[in-house]
Amino acid sequence: MKQVRAVRAHVIPDRPPISVAAGERVKVGERDTTWPAFAFVNTTDGSGWVPARHIAYDGGQATGNGVMLEPYDTTELATEADEVLTVVAADELSGWSRVRNTAGLEGWVPDNTIEPLPA
C-alpha cells in the first residue's frame, strides 16, 4: 500500500460522522464551495458531506431528495504534520484519500494535506 506524509495537520469537524448505505434515501442540500464534488445530506442518523456522484437525485434535481448509489462513511482522520499514513483508498475525483495511521485508525483527509513518500 502507498505511504504518504502529512504536510500539515488535518482537523476534523465538530459534527459526528455518518454512514449511509446504498439504497438509503437522503435529503440533499447545498454543494460545498471548497470541495464542489461533495453535497450535504441529511439522513435519519445525522448529516454530513458525501460525494455528489454517489447520489441519484429524484427528478434530476441537484437538491431535494435522493437515493445513495454507493455506501459512504464520512469519518475523517485527525492528523499531525509529518505523520506517516497508509492510503487505504484514493478518491481522486473528490480530492480526498482514506488513510490509516500507525495506531490503526482510519478516516478521510484532503489530498492537499498529504504528499507521497519516496518509494
PDB file of N, CA and C in Angstrom:
ATOM      1  N   MET A   1       0.839  -1.190   0.000  1.00  0.00           N
ATOM      2  CA  MET A   1       0.000   0.000   0.000  1.00  0.00           C
ATOM      3  C   MET A   1       0.877   1.244   0.000  1.00  0.00           C
ATOM      4  N   LYS A   2       0.352   2.289  -0.574  1.00  0.00           N
ATOM      5  CA  LYS A   2       1.071   3.551  -0.713  1.00  0.00           C
ATOM      6  C   LYS A   2       1.153   4.281   0.633  1.00  0.00           C
ATOM      7  N   GLN A   3       2.350   4.780   0.932  1.00  0.00           N
ATOM      8  CA  GLN A   3       2.531   5.559   2.151  1.00  0.00           C
ATOM      9  C   GLN A   3       2.667   7.032   1.786  1.00  0.00           C
ATOM     10  N   VAL A   4       2.121   7.881   2.657  1.00  0.00           N
ATOM     11  CA  VAL A   4       2.170   9.325   2.473  1.00  0.00           C
ATOM     12  C   VAL A   4       2.580   9.973   3.787  1.00  0.00           C
ATOM     13  N   ARG A   5       2.942  11.236   3.680  1.00  0.00           N
ATOM     14  CA  ARG A   5       3.293  12.034   4.855  1.00  0.00           C
ATOM     15  C   ARG A   5       2.337  13.207   4.914  1.00  0.00           C
ATOM     16  N   ALA A   6       1.842  13.501   6.092  1.00  0.00           N
ATOM     17  CA  ALA A   6       1.003  14.687   6.276  1.00  0.00           C
ATOM     18  C   ALA A   6       1.895  15.918   6.203  1.00  0.00           C
ATOM     19  N   VAL A   7       1.616  16.803   5.265  1.00  0.00           N
ATOM     20  CA  VAL A   7       2.407  18.030   5.138  1.00  0.00           C
ATOM     21  C   VAL A   7       1.892  19.114   6.086  1.00  0.00           C
ATOM     22  N   ARG A   8       0.658  18.945   6.536  1.00  0.00           N
ATOM     23  CA  ARG A   8       0.101  19.810   7.582  1.00  0.00           C
ATOM     24  C   ARG A   8      -1.015  19.042   8.275  1.00  0.00           C
ATOM     25  N   ALA A   9      -1.344  19.475   9.440  1.00  0.00           N
ATOM     26  CA  ALA A   9      -2.368  18.805  10.236  1.00  0.00           C
ATOM     27  C   ALA A   9      -3.737  18.922   9.580  1.00  0.00           C
ATOM     28  N   HIS A  10      -4.550  17.907   9.780  1.00  0.00           N
ATOM     29  CA  HIS A  10      -5.959  17.953   9.367  1.00  0.00           C
ATOM     30  C   HIS A  10      -6.798  17.880  10.633  1.00  0.00           C
ATOM     31  N   VAL A  11      -7.650  18.879  10.820  1.00  0.00           N
ATOM     32  CA  VAL A  11      -8.531  18.946  11.981  1.00  0.00           C
ATOM     33  C   VAL A  11      -9.921  18.503  11.538  1.00  0.00           C
ATOM     34  N   ILE A  12     -10.489  17.551  12.260  1.00  0.00           N
ATOM     35  CA  ILE A  12     -11.802  17.037  11.867  1.00  0.00           C
ATOM     36  C   ILE A  12     -12.909  17.966  12.346  1.00  0.00           C
ATOM     37  N   PRO A  13     -14.060  17.948  11.647  1.00  0.00           N
ATOM     38  CA  PRO A  13     -15.167  18.829  12.029  1.00  0.00           C
ATOM     39  C   PRO A  13     -15.808  18.394  13.342  1.00  0.00           C
ATOM     40  N   ASP A  14     -16.530  19.312  13.944  1.00  0.00           N
ATOM     41  CA  ASP A  14     -17.235  19.070  15.195  1.00  0.00           C
ATOM     42  C   ASP A  14     -18.400  18.094  15.041  1.00  0.00           C
ATOM     43  N   ARG A  15     -18.933  17.990  13.842  1.00  0.00           N
ATOM     44  CA  ARG A  15     -20.097  17.150  13.561  1.00  0.00           C
ATOM     45  C   ARG A  15     -19.729  15.665  13.613  1.00  0.00           C
ATOM     46  N   PRO A  16     -20.544  14.809  14.238  1.00  0.00           N
ATOM     47  CA  PRO A  16     -20.234  13.379  14.254  1.00  0.00           C
ATOM     48  C   PRO A  16     -20.353  12.792  12.843  1.00  0.00           C
ATOM     49  N   PRO A  17     -19.529  11.792  12.526  1.00  0.00           N
ATOM     50  CA  PRO A  17     -19.603  11.183  11.196  1.00  0.00           C
ATOM     51  C   PRO A  17     -20.884  10.368  11.026  1.00  0.00           C
ATOM     52  N   ILE A  18     -21.242  10.163   9.761  1.00  0.00           N
ATOM     53  CA  ILE A  18     -22.388   9.312   9.447  1.00  0.00           C
ATOM     54  C   ILE A  18     -21.946   8.240   8.452  1.00  0.00           C
ATOM     55  N   SER A  19     -22.676   7.157   8.428  1.00  0.00           N
ATOM     56  CA  SER A  19     -22.501   6.115   7.413  1.00  0.00           C
ATOM     57  C   SER A  19     -23.831   5.983   6.702  1.00  0.00           C
ATOM     58  N   VAL A  20     -23.792   6.075   5.375  1.00  0.00           N
ATOM     59  CA  VAL A  20     -25.009   5.909   4.591  1.00  0.00           C
ATOM     60  C   VAL A  20     -24.858   4.671   3.723  1.00  0.00           C
ATOM     61  N   ALA A  21     -25.924   3.939   3.586  1.00  0.00           N
ATOM     62  CA  ALA A  21     -25.915   2.686   2.838  1.00  0.00           C
ATOM     63  C   ALA A  21     -26.405   2.909   1.414  1.00  0.00           C
ATOM     64  N   ALA A  22     -25.972   2.062   0.511  1.00  0.00           N
ATOM     65  CA  ALA A  22     -26.516   2.081  -0.844  1.00  0.00           C
ATOM     66  C   ALA A  22     -28.017   1.827  -0.737  1.00  0.00           C
ATOM     67  N   GLY A  23     -28.801   2.612  -1.454  1.00  0.00           N
ATOM     68  CA  GLY A  23     -30.258   2.481  -1.413  1.00  0.00           C
ATOM     69  C   GLY A  23     -30.921   3.345  -0.356  1.00  0.00           C
ATOM     70  N   GLU A  24     -30.136   3.949   0.524  1.00  0.00           N
ATOM     71  CA  GLU A  24     -30.702   4.794   1.584  1.00  0.00           C
ATOM     72  C   GLU A  24     -31.177   6.123   1.000  1.00  0.00           C
ATOM     73  N   ARG A  25     -32.361   6.547   1.414  1.00  0.00           N
ATOM     74  CA  ARG A  25     -32.908   7.836   0.971  1.00  0.00           C
ATOM     75  C   ARG A  25     -32.276   8.952   1.798  1.00  0.00           C
ATOM     76  N   VAL A  26     -31.950  10.054   1.131  1.00  0.00           N
ATOM     77  CA  VAL A  26     -31.330  11.202   1.788  1.00  0.00           C
ATOM     78  C   VAL A  26     -31.993  12.481   1.312  1.00  0.00           C
ATOM     79  N   LYS A  27     -31.934  13.493   2.146  1.00  0.00           N
ATOM     80  CA  LYS A  27     -32.350  14.844   1.775  1.00  0.00           C
ATOM     81  C   LYS A  27     -31.071  15.568   1.363  1.00  0.00           C
ATOM     82  N   VAL A  28     -31.023  16.042   0.136  1.00  0.00           N
ATOM     83  CA  VAL A  28     -29.802  16.629  -0.416  1.00  0.00           C
ATOM     84  C   VAL A  28     -29.889  18.153  -0.359  1.00  0.00           C
ATOM     85  N   GLY A  29     -28.848  18.740   0.218  1.00  0.00           N
ATOM     86  CA  GLY A  29     -28.783  20.190   0.318  1.00  0.00           C
ATOM     87  C   GLY A  29     -27.742  20.773  -0.622  1.00  0.00           C
ATOM     88  N   GLU A  30     -27.051  21.751  -0.130  1.00  0.00           N
ATOM     89  CA  GLU A  30     -26.092  22.512  -0.922  1.00  0.00           C
ATOM     90  C   GLU A  30     -24.848  21.713  -1.316  1.00  0.00           C
ATOM     91  N   ARG A  31     -24.152  22.223  -2.336  1.00  0.00           N
ATOM     92  CA  ARG A  31     -22.844  21.699  -2.720  1.00  0.00           C
ATOM     93  C   ARG A  31     -21.796  22.504  -1.950  1.00  0.00           C
ATOM     94  N   ASP A  32     -20.681  21.862  -1.636  1.00  0.00           N
ATOM     95  CA  ASP A  32     -19.606  22.526  -0.908  1.00  0.00           C
ATOM     96  C   ASP A  32     -18.878  23.485  -1.849  1.00  0.00           C
ATOM     97  N   THR A  33     -18.576  24.673  -1.384  1.00  0.00           N
ATOM     98  CA  THR A  33     -17.887  25.646  -2.235  1.00  0.00           C
ATOM     99  C   THR A  33     -16.389  25.378  -2.315  1.00  0.00           C
ATOM    100  N   THR A  34     -15.805  24.801  -1.266  1.00  0.00           N
ATOM    101  CA  THR A  34     -14.382  24.455  -1.283  1.00  0.00           C
ATOM    102  C   THR A  34     -14.154  23.128  -1.978  1.00  0.00           C
ATOM    103  N   TRP A  35     -15.030  22.175  -1.753  1.00  0.00           N
ATOM    104  CA  TRP A  35     -14.943  20.826  -2.315  1.00  0.00           C
ATOM    105  C   TRP A  35     -16.210  20.569  -3.130  1.00  0.00           C
ATOM    106  N   PRO A  36     -16.299  21.077  -4.370  1.00  0.00           N
ATOM    107  CA  PRO A  36     -17.538  21.007  -5.149  1.00  0.00           C
ATOM    108  C   PRO A  36     -18.004  19.600  -5.511  1.00  0.00           C
ATOM    109  N   ALA A  37     -17.177  18.591  -5.308  1.00  0.00           N
ATOM    110  CA  ALA A  37     -17.594  17.212  -5.580  1.00  0.00           C
ATOM    111  C   ALA A  37     -18.529  16.695  -4.492  1.00  0.00           C
ATOM    112  N   PHE A  38     -18.703  17.456  -3.400  1.00  0.00           N
ATOM    113  CA  PHE A  38     -19.495  16.998  -2.261  1.00  0.00           C
ATOM    114  C   PHE A  38     -20.823  17.742  -2.145  1.00  0.00           C
ATOM    115  N   ALA A  39     -21.852  16.995  -1.720  1.00  0.00           N
ATOM    116  CA  ALA A  39     -23.163  17.556  -1.409  1.00  0.00           C
ATOM    117  C   ALA A  39     -23.470  17.260   0.061  1.00  0.00           C
ATOM    118  N   PHE A  40     -24.151  18.171   0.712  1.00  0.00           N
ATOM    119  CA  PHE A  40     -24.535  17.992   2.109  1.00  0.00           C
ATOM    120  C   PHE A  40     -25.839  17.202   2.153  1.00  0.00           C
ATOM    121  N   VAL A  41     -25.853  16.111   2.918  1.00  0.00           N
ATOM    122  CA  VAL A  41     -27.060  15.293   3.013  1.00  0.00           C
ATOM    123  C   VAL A  41     -27.510  15.166   4.467  1.00  0.00           C
ATOM    124  N   ASN A  42     -28.807  14.994   4.622  1.00  0.00           N
ATOM    125  CA  ASN A  42     -29.415  14.688   5.914  1.00  0.00           C
ATOM    126  C   ASN A  42     -30.005  13.294   5.820  1.00  0.00           C
ATOM    127  N   THR A  43     -29.736  12.490   6.853  1.00  0.00           N
ATOM    128  CA  THR A  43     -30.274  11.139   6.936  1.00  0.00           C
ATOM    129  C   THR A  43     -31.037  11.015   8.240  1.00  0.00           C
ATOM    130  N   THR A  44     -31.593   9.855   8.477  1.00  0.00           N
ATOM    131  CA  THR A  44     -32.287   9.636   9.745  1.00  0.00           C
ATOM    132  C   THR A  44     -31.295   9.599  10.908  1.00  0.00           C
ATOM    133  N   ASP A  45     -29.999   9.369  10.604  1.00  0.00           N
ATOM    134  CA  ASP A  45     -28.978   9.254  11.650  1.00  0.00           C
ATOM    135  C   ASP A  45     -28.073  10.469  11.796  1.00  0.00           C
ATOM    136  N   GLY A  46     -28.273  11.491  10.980  1.00  0.00           N
ATOM    137  CA  GLY A  46     -27.419  12.669  11.072  1.00  0.00           C
ATOM    138  C   GLY A  46     -27.232  13.324   9.722  1.00  0.00           C
ATOM    139  N   SER A  47     -26.177  14.121   9.616  1.00  0.00           N
ATOM    140  CA  SER A  47     -25.918  14.836   8.371  1.00  0.00           C
ATOM    141  C   SER A  47     -24.422  14.913   8.121  1.00  0.00           C
ATOM    142  N   GLY A  48     -24.076  15.109   6.863  1.00  0.00           N
ATOM    143  CA  GLY A  48     -22.666  15.221   6.500  1.00  0.00           C
ATOM    144  C   GLY A  48     -22.496  15.369   5.000  1.00  0.00           C
ATOM    145  N   TRP A  49     -21.234  15.483   4.593  1.00  0.00           N
ATOM    146  CA  TRP A  49     -20.871  15.682   3.187  1.00  0.00           C
ATOM    147  C   TRP A  49     -20.540  14.344   2.539  1.00  0.00           C
ATOM    148  N   VAL A  50     -21.146  14.076   1.387  1.00  0.00           N
ATOM    149  CA  VAL A  50     -20.865  12.855   0.627  1.00  0.00           C
ATOM    150  C   VAL A  50     -20.595  13.239  -0.822  1.00  0.00           C
ATOM    151  N   PRO A  51     -19.833  12.418  -1.550  1.00  0.00           N
ATOM    152  CA  PRO A  51     -19.619  12.722  -2.966  1.00  0.00           C
ATOM    153  C   PRO A  51     -20.964  12.760  -3.709  1.00  0.00           C
ATOM    154  N   ALA A  52     -21.218  13.853  -4.401  1.00  0.00           N
ATOM    155  CA  ALA A  52     -22.491  14.032  -5.101  1.00  0.00           C
ATOM    156  C   ALA A  52     -22.706  12.946  -6.152  1.00  0.00           C
ATOM    157  N   ARG A  53     -21.639  12.412  -6.709  1.00  0.00           N
ATOM    158  CA  ARG A  53     -21.785  11.376  -7.738  1.00  0.00           C
ATOM    159  C   ARG A  53     -22.296  10.056  -7.157  1.00  0.00           C
ATOM    160  N   HIS A  54     -22.361   9.945  -5.826  1.00  0.00           N
ATOM    161  CA  HIS A  54     -22.893   8.746  -5.173  1.00  0.00           C
ATOM    162  C   HIS A  54     -24.402   8.845  -4.933  1.00  0.00           C
ATOM    163  N   ILE A  55     -25.024   9.913  -5.448  1.00  0.00           N
ATOM    164  CA  ILE A  55     -26.445  10.162  -5.192  1.00  0.00           C
ATOM    165  C   ILE A  55     -27.225  10.145  -6.510  1.00  0.00           C
ATOM    166  N   ALA A  56     -28.353   9.441  -6.529  1.00  0.00           N
ATOM    167  CA  ALA A  56     -29.313   9.525  -7.637  1.00  0.00           C
ATOM    168  C   ALA A  56     -30.376  10.520  -7.178  1.00  0.00           C
ATOM    169  N   TYR A  57     -30.472  11.635  -7.866  1.00  0.00           N
ATOM    170  CA  TYR A  57     -31.378  12.708  -7.460  1.00  0.00           C
ATOM    171  C   TYR A  57     -32.783  12.461  -8.003  1.00  0.00           C
ATOM    172  N   ASP A  58     -33.775  12.605  -7.140  1.00  0.00           N
ATOM    173  CA  ASP A  58     -35.165  12.494  -7.584  1.00  0.00           C
ATOM    174  C   ASP A  58     -35.462  13.609  -8.574  1.00  0.00           C
ATOM    175  N   GLY A  59     -36.028  13.262  -9.712  1.00  0.00           N
ATOM    176  CA  GLY A  59     -36.407  14.273 -10.710  1.00  0.00           C
ATOM    177  C   GLY A  59     -35.231  14.975 -11.346  1.00  0.00           C
ATOM    178  N   GLY A  60     -34.021  14.435 -11.182  1.00  0.00           N
ATOM    179  CA  GLY A  60     -32.845  15.045 -11.799  1.00  0.00           C
ATOM    180  C   GLY A  60     -32.388  16.335 -11.137  1.00  0.00           C
ATOM    181  N   GLN A  61     -32.987  16.699 -10.019  1.00  0.00           N
ATOM    182  CA  GLN A  61     -32.623  17.925  -9.318  1.00  0.00           C
ATOM    183  C   GLN A  61     -31.352  17.723  -8.505  1.00  0.00           C
ATOM    184  N   ALA A  62     -30.500  18.740  -8.431  1.00  0.00           N
ATOM    185  CA  ALA A  62     -29.253  18.645  -7.669  1.00  0.00           C
ATOM    186  C   ALA A  62     -29.465  18.877  -6.175  1.00  0.00           C
ATOM    187  N   THR A  63     -30.666  19.267  -5.785  1.00  0.00           N
ATOM    188  CA  THR A  63     -31.020  19.371  -4.371  1.00  0.00           C
ATOM    189  C   THR A  63     -32.401  18.740  -4.194  1.00  0.00           C
ATOM    190  N   GLY A  64     -32.779  18.499  -2.986  1.00  0.00           N
ATOM    191  CA  GLY A  64     -34.067  17.865  -2.719  1.00  0.00           C
ATOM    192  C   GLY A  64     -33.862  16.482  -2.152  1.00  0.00           C
ATOM    193  N   ASN A  65     -34.526  15.504  -2.730  1.00  0.00           N
ATOM    194  CA  ASN A  65     -34.425  14.131  -2.246  1.00  0.00           C
ATOM    195  C   ASN A  65     -33.621  13.289  -3.214  1.00  0.00           C
ATOM    196  N   GLY A  66     -32.997  12.257  -2.669  1.00  0.00           N
ATOM    197  CA  GLY A  66     -32.223  11.356  -3.499  1.00  0.00           C
ATOM    198  C   GLY A  66     -32.016  10.018  -2.815  1.00  0.00           C
ATOM    199  N   VAL A  67     -31.340   9.141  -3.541  1.00  0.00           N
ATOM    200  CA  VAL A  67     -31.028   7.805  -3.046  1.00  0.00           C
ATOM    201  C   VAL A  67     -29.533   7.584  -3.220  1.00  0.00           C
ATOM    202  N   MET A  68     -28.895   7.040  -2.200  1.00  0.00           N
ATOM    203  CA  MET A  68     -27.466   6.748  -2.290  1.00  0.00           C
ATOM    204  C   MET A  68     -27.236   5.574  -3.245  1.00  0.00           C
ATOM    205  N   LEU A  69     -26.327   5.769  -4.194  1.00  0.00           N
ATOM    206  CA  LEU A  69     -25.968   4.722  -5.142  1.00  0.00           C
ATOM    207  C   LEU A  69     -24.895   3.805  -4.566  1.00  0.00           C
ATOM    208  N   GLU A  70     -24.096   4.344  -3.681  1.00  0.00           N
ATOM    209  CA  GLU A  70     -22.997   3.601  -3.059  1.00  0.00           C
ATOM    210  C   GLU A  70     -22.974   3.926  -1.566  1.00  0.00           C
ATOM    211  N   PRO A  71     -22.462   3.004  -0.765  1.00  0.00           N
ATOM    212  CA  PRO A  71     -22.316   3.323   0.659  1.00  0.00           C
ATOM    213  C   PRO A  71     -21.193   4.350   0.837  1.00  0.00           C
ATOM    214  N   TYR A  72     -21.289   5.129   1.904  1.00  0.00           N
ATOM    215  CA  TYR A  72     -20.235   6.106   2.184  1.00  0.00           C
ATOM    216  C   TYR A  72     -20.183   6.375   3.676  1.00  0.00           C
ATOM    217  N   ASP A  73     -18.978   6.443   4.208  1.00  0.00           N
ATOM    218  CA  ASP A  73     -18.725   6.742   5.612  1.00  0.00           C
ATOM    219  C   ASP A  73     -17.964   8.059   5.651  1.00  0.00           C
ATOM    220  N   THR A  74     -18.492   9.049   6.347  1.00  0.00           N
ATOM    221  CA  THR A  74     -17.896  10.387   6.358  1.00  0.00           C
ATOM    222  C   THR A  74     -16.794  10.573   7.395  1.00  0.00           C
ATOM    223  N   THR A  75     -16.367   9.504   8.058  1.00  0.00           N
ATOM    224  CA  THR A  75     -15.350   9.620   9.104  1.00  0.00           C
ATOM    225  C   THR A  75     -14.065  10.233   8.554  1.00  0.00           C
ATOM    226  N   GLU A  76     -13.619  11.311   9.181  1.00  0.00           N
ATOM    227  CA  GLU A  76     -12.348  11.940   8.843  1.00  0.00           C
ATOM    228  C   GLU A  76     -11.322  11.563   9.906  1.00  0.00           C
ATOM    229  N   LEU A  77     -10.042  11.670   9.550  1.00  0.00           N
ATOM    230  CA  LEU A  77      -8.972  11.333  10.484  1.00  0.00           C
ATOM    231  C   LEU A  77      -8.179  12.591  10.816  1.00  0.00           C
ATOM    232  N   ALA A  78      -8.067  12.888  12.094  1.00  0.00           N
ATOM    233  CA  ALA A  78      -7.222  13.998  12.532  1.00  0.00           C
ATOM    234  C   ALA A  78      -5.766  13.573  12.356  1.00  0.00           C
ATOM    235  N   THR A  79      -4.967  14.442  11.763  1.00  0.00           N
ATOM    236  CA  THR A  79      -3.555  14.129  11.551  1.00  0.00           C
ATOM    237  C   THR A  79      -2.692  15.265  12.063  1.00  0.00           C
ATOM    238  N   GLU A  80      -1.406  14.957  12.205  1.00  0.00           N
ATOM    239  CA  GLU A  80      -0.415  15.952  12.602  1.00  0.00           C
ATOM    240  C   GLU A  80       0.614  16.070  11.487  1.00  0.00           C
ATOM    241  N   ALA A  81       1.207  17.232  11.340  1.00  0.00           N
ATOM    242  CA  ALA A  81       2.253  17.436  10.330  1.00  0.00           C
ATOM    243  C   ALA A  81       3.371  16.422  10.541  1.00  0.00           C
ATOM    244  N   ASP A  82       3.883  15.889   9.445  1.00  0.00           N
ATOM    245  CA  ASP A  82       4.969  14.900   9.393  1.00  0.00           C
ATOM    246  C   ASP A  82       4.544  13.489   9.783  1.00  0.00           C
ATOM    247  N   GLU A  83       3.282  13.271  10.078  1.00  0.00           N
ATOM    248  CA  GLU A  83       2.792  11.930  10.403  1.00  0.00           C
ATOM    249  C   GLU A  83       2.797  11.070   9.136  1.00  0.00           C
ATOM    250  N   VAL A  84       3.269   9.830   9.266  1.00  0.00           N
ATOM    251  CA  VAL A  84       3.266   8.886   8.149  1.00  0.00           C
ATOM    252  C   VAL A  84       1.960   8.100   8.178  1.00  0.00           C
ATOM    253  N   LEU A  85       1.299   8.023   7.015  1.00  0.00           N
ATOM    254  CA  LEU A  85      -0.009   7.391   6.889  1.00  0.00           C
ATOM    255  C   LEU A  85       0.004   6.410   5.730  1.00  0.00           C
ATOM    256  N   THR A  86      -0.880   5.435   5.765  1.00  0.00           N
ATOM    257  CA  THR A  86      -1.044   4.485   4.675  1.00  0.00           C
ATOM    258  C   THR A  86      -2.354   4.783   3.964  1.00  0.00           C
ATOM    259  N   VAL A  87      -2.306   4.906   2.639  1.00  0.00           N
ATOM    260  CA  VAL A  87      -3.515   5.166   1.858  1.00  0.00           C
ATOM    261  C   VAL A  87      -4.298   3.859   1.714  1.00  0.00           C
ATOM    262  N   VAL A  88      -5.540   3.881   2.156  1.00  0.00           N
ATOM    263  CA  VAL A  88      -6.437   2.731   2.065  1.00  0.00           C
ATOM    264  C   VAL A  88      -7.266   2.827   0.783  1.00  0.00           C
ATOM    265  N   ALA A  89      -7.697   4.042   0.448  1.00  0.00           N
ATOM    266  CA  ALA A  89      -8.473   4.300  -0.765  1.00  0.00           C
ATOM    267  C   ALA A  89      -8.246   5.742  -1.185  1.00  0.00           C
ATOM    268  N   ALA A  90      -8.040   5.945  -2.470  1.00  0.00           N
ATOM    269  CA  ALA A  90      -7.872   7.300  -3.003  1.00  0.00           C
ATOM    270  C   ALA A  90      -9.098   7.653  -3.829  1.00  0.00           C
ATOM    271  N   ASP A  91      -9.659   8.819  -3.600  1.00  0.00           N
ATOM    272  CA  ASP A  91     -10.800   9.305  -4.367  1.00  0.00           C
ATOM    273  C   ASP A  91     -10.345  10.564  -5.098  1.00  0.00           C
ATOM    274  N   GLU A  92      -9.672  10.373  -6.212  1.00  0.00           N
ATOM    275  CA  GLU A  92      -9.093  11.494  -6.951  1.00  0.00           C
ATOM    276  C   GLU A  92     -10.150  12.473  -7.435  1.00  0.00           C
ATOM    277  N   LEU A  93     -11.356  11.989  -7.745  1.00  0.00           N
ATOM    278  CA  LEU A  93     -12.413  12.882  -8.226  1.00  0.00           C
ATOM    279  C   LEU A  93     -12.850  13.885  -7.168  1.00  0.00           C
ATOM    280  N   SER A  94     -12.769  13.492  -5.907  1.00  0.00           N
ATOM    281  CA  SER A  94     -13.179  14.413  -4.844  1.00  0.00           C
ATOM    282  C   SER A  94     -12.009  15.154  -4.221  1.00  0.00           C
ATOM    283  N   GLY A  95     -10.785  14.628  -4.410  1.00  0.00           N
ATOM    284  CA  GLY A  95      -9.618  15.276  -3.810  1.00  0.00           C
ATOM    285  C   GLY A  95      -9.356  14.854  -2.376  1.00  0.00           C
ATOM    286  N   TRP A  96      -9.856  13.673  -1.992  1.00  0.00           N
ATOM    287  CA  TRP A  96      -9.667  13.149  -0.638  1.00  0.00           C
ATOM    288  C   TRP A  96      -9.148  11.722  -0.711  1.00  0.00           C
ATOM    289  N   SER A  97      -8.452  11.290   0.343  1.00  0.00           N
ATOM    290  CA  SER A  97      -7.973   9.921   0.452  1.00  0.00           C
ATOM    291  C   SER A  97      -8.338   9.364   1.820  1.00  0.00           C
ATOM    292  N   ARG A  98      -8.699   8.089   1.837  1.00  0.00           N
ATOM    293  CA  ARG A  98      -8.937   7.403   3.110  1.00  0.00           C
ATOM    294  C   ARG A  98      -7.605   6.821   3.537  1.00  0.00           C
ATOM    295  N   VAL A  99      -7.165   7.172   4.746  1.00  0.00           N
ATOM    296  CA  VAL A  99      -5.843   6.769   5.225  1.00  0.00           C
ATOM    297  C   VAL A  99      -5.943   6.068   6.576  1.00  0.00           C
ATOM    298  N   ARG A 100      -4.860   5.365   6.919  1.00  0.00           N
ATOM    299  CA  ARG A 100      -4.751   4.691   8.222  1.00  0.00           C
ATOM    300  C   ARG A 100      -3.476   5.197   8.887  1.00  0.00           C
ATOM    301  N   ASN A 101      -3.560   5.507  10.172  1.00  0.00           N
ATOM    302  CA  ASN A 101      -2.365   5.935  10.899  1.00  0.00           C
ATOM    303  C   ASN A 101      -1.689   4.731  11.559  1.00  0.00           C
ATOM    304  N   THR A 102      -0.582   4.958  12.229  1.00  0.00           N
ATOM    305  CA  THR A 102       0.171   3.852  12.831  1.00  0.00           C
ATOM    306  C   THR A 102      -0.573   3.195  13.993  1.00  0.00           C
ATOM    307  N   ALA A 103      -1.568   3.883  14.557  1.00  0.00           N
ATOM    308  CA  ALA A 103      -2.383   3.304  15.630  1.00  0.00           C
ATOM    309  C   ALA A 103      -3.523   2.454  15.074  1.00  0.00           C
ATOM    310  N   GLY A 104      -3.670   2.429  13.729  1.00  0.00           N
ATOM    311  CA  GLY A 104      -4.715   1.630  13.098  1.00  0.00           C
ATOM    312  C   GLY A 104      -6.026   2.356  12.873  1.00  0.00           C
ATOM    313  N   LEU A 105      -6.087   3.655  13.205  1.00  0.00           N
ATOM    314  CA  LEU A 105      -7.308   4.430  12.981  1.00  0.00           C
ATOM    315  C   LEU A 105      -7.386   4.844  11.520  1.00  0.00           C
ATOM    316  N   GLU A 106      -8.608   4.857  10.954  1.00  0.00           N
ATOM    317  CA  GLU A 106      -8.813   5.214   9.551  1.00  0.00           C
ATOM    318  C   GLU A 106      -9.790   6.357   9.421  1.00  0.00           C
ATOM    319  N   GLY A 107      -9.624   7.127   8.346  1.00  0.00           N
ATOM    320  CA  GLY A 107     -10.558   8.193   8.025  1.00  0.00           C
ATOM    321  C   GLY A 107     -10.089   8.947   6.799  1.00  0.00           C
ATOM    322  N   TRP A 108     -10.933   9.854   6.334  1.00  0.00           N
ATOM    323  CA  TRP A 108     -10.653  10.661   5.150  1.00  0.00           C
ATOM    324  C   TRP A 108      -9.826  11.891   5.507  1.00  0.00           C
ATOM    325  N   VAL A 109      -8.909  12.254   4.609  1.00  0.00           N
ATOM    326  CA  VAL A 109      -8.146  13.502   4.720  1.00  0.00           C
ATOM    327  C   VAL A 109      -8.093  14.153   3.337  1.00  0.00           C
ATOM    328  N   PRO A 110      -8.029  15.481   3.282  1.00  0.00           N
ATOM    329  CA  PRO A 110      -7.893  16.141   1.986  1.00  0.00           C
ATOM    330  C   PRO A 110      -6.523  15.827   1.374  1.00  0.00           C
ATOM    331  N   ASP A 111      -6.515  15.606   0.066  1.00  0.00           N
ATOM    332  CA  ASP A 111      -5.254  15.302  -0.618  1.00  0.00           C
ATOM    333  C   ASP A 111      -4.240  16.440  -0.517  1.00  0.00           C
ATOM    334  N   ASN A 112      -4.734  17.669  -0.337  1.00  0.00           N
ATOM    335  CA  ASN A 112      -3.793  18.792  -0.242  1.00  0.00           C
ATOM    336  C   ASN A 112      -3.090  18.869   1.119  1.00  0.00           C
ATOM    337  N   THR A 113      -3.366  17.906   2.005  1.00  0.00           N
ATOM    338  CA  THR A 113      -2.680  17.854   3.305  1.00  0.00           C
ATOM    339  C   THR A 113      -1.655  16.726   3.370  1.00  0.00           C
ATOM    340  N   ILE A 114      -1.532  15.950   2.282  1.00  0.00           N
ATOM    341  CA  ILE A 114      -0.598  14.816   2.272  1.00  0.00           C
ATOM    342  C   ILE A 114       0.266  14.846   1.011  1.00  0.00           C
ATOM    343  N   GLU A 115       1.410  14.161   1.092  1.00  0.00           N
ATOM    344  CA  GLU A 115       2.267  14.009  -0.082  1.00  0.00           C
ATOM    345  C   GLU A 115       2.856  12.598  -0.064  1.00  0.00           C
ATOM    346  N   PRO A 116       3.110  12.029  -1.257  1.00  0.00           N
ATOM    347  CA  PRO A 116       3.668  10.680  -1.309  1.00  0.00           C
ATOM    348  C   PRO A 116       5.063  10.619  -0.695  1.00  0.00           C
ATOM    349  N   LEU A 117       5.372   9.497  -0.073  1.00  0.00           N
ATOM    350  CA  LEU A 117       6.720   9.250   0.404  1.00  0.00           C
ATOM    351  C   LEU A 117       7.500   8.614  -0.738  1.00  0.00           C
ATOM    352  N   PRO A 118       8.818   8.864  -0.808  1.00  0.00           N
ATOM    353  CA  PRO A 118       9.609   8.202  -1.846  1.00  0.00           C
ATOM    354  C   PRO A 118       9.519   6.684  -1.696  1.00  0.00           C
ATOM    355  N   ALA A 119       9.480   6.003  -2.826  1.00  0.00           N
ATOM    356  CA  ALA A 119       9.370   4.526  -2.801  1.00  0.00           C
ATOM    357  C   ALA A 119      10.637   3.877  -2.304  1.00  0.00           C
TER     358      ALA A 119
END
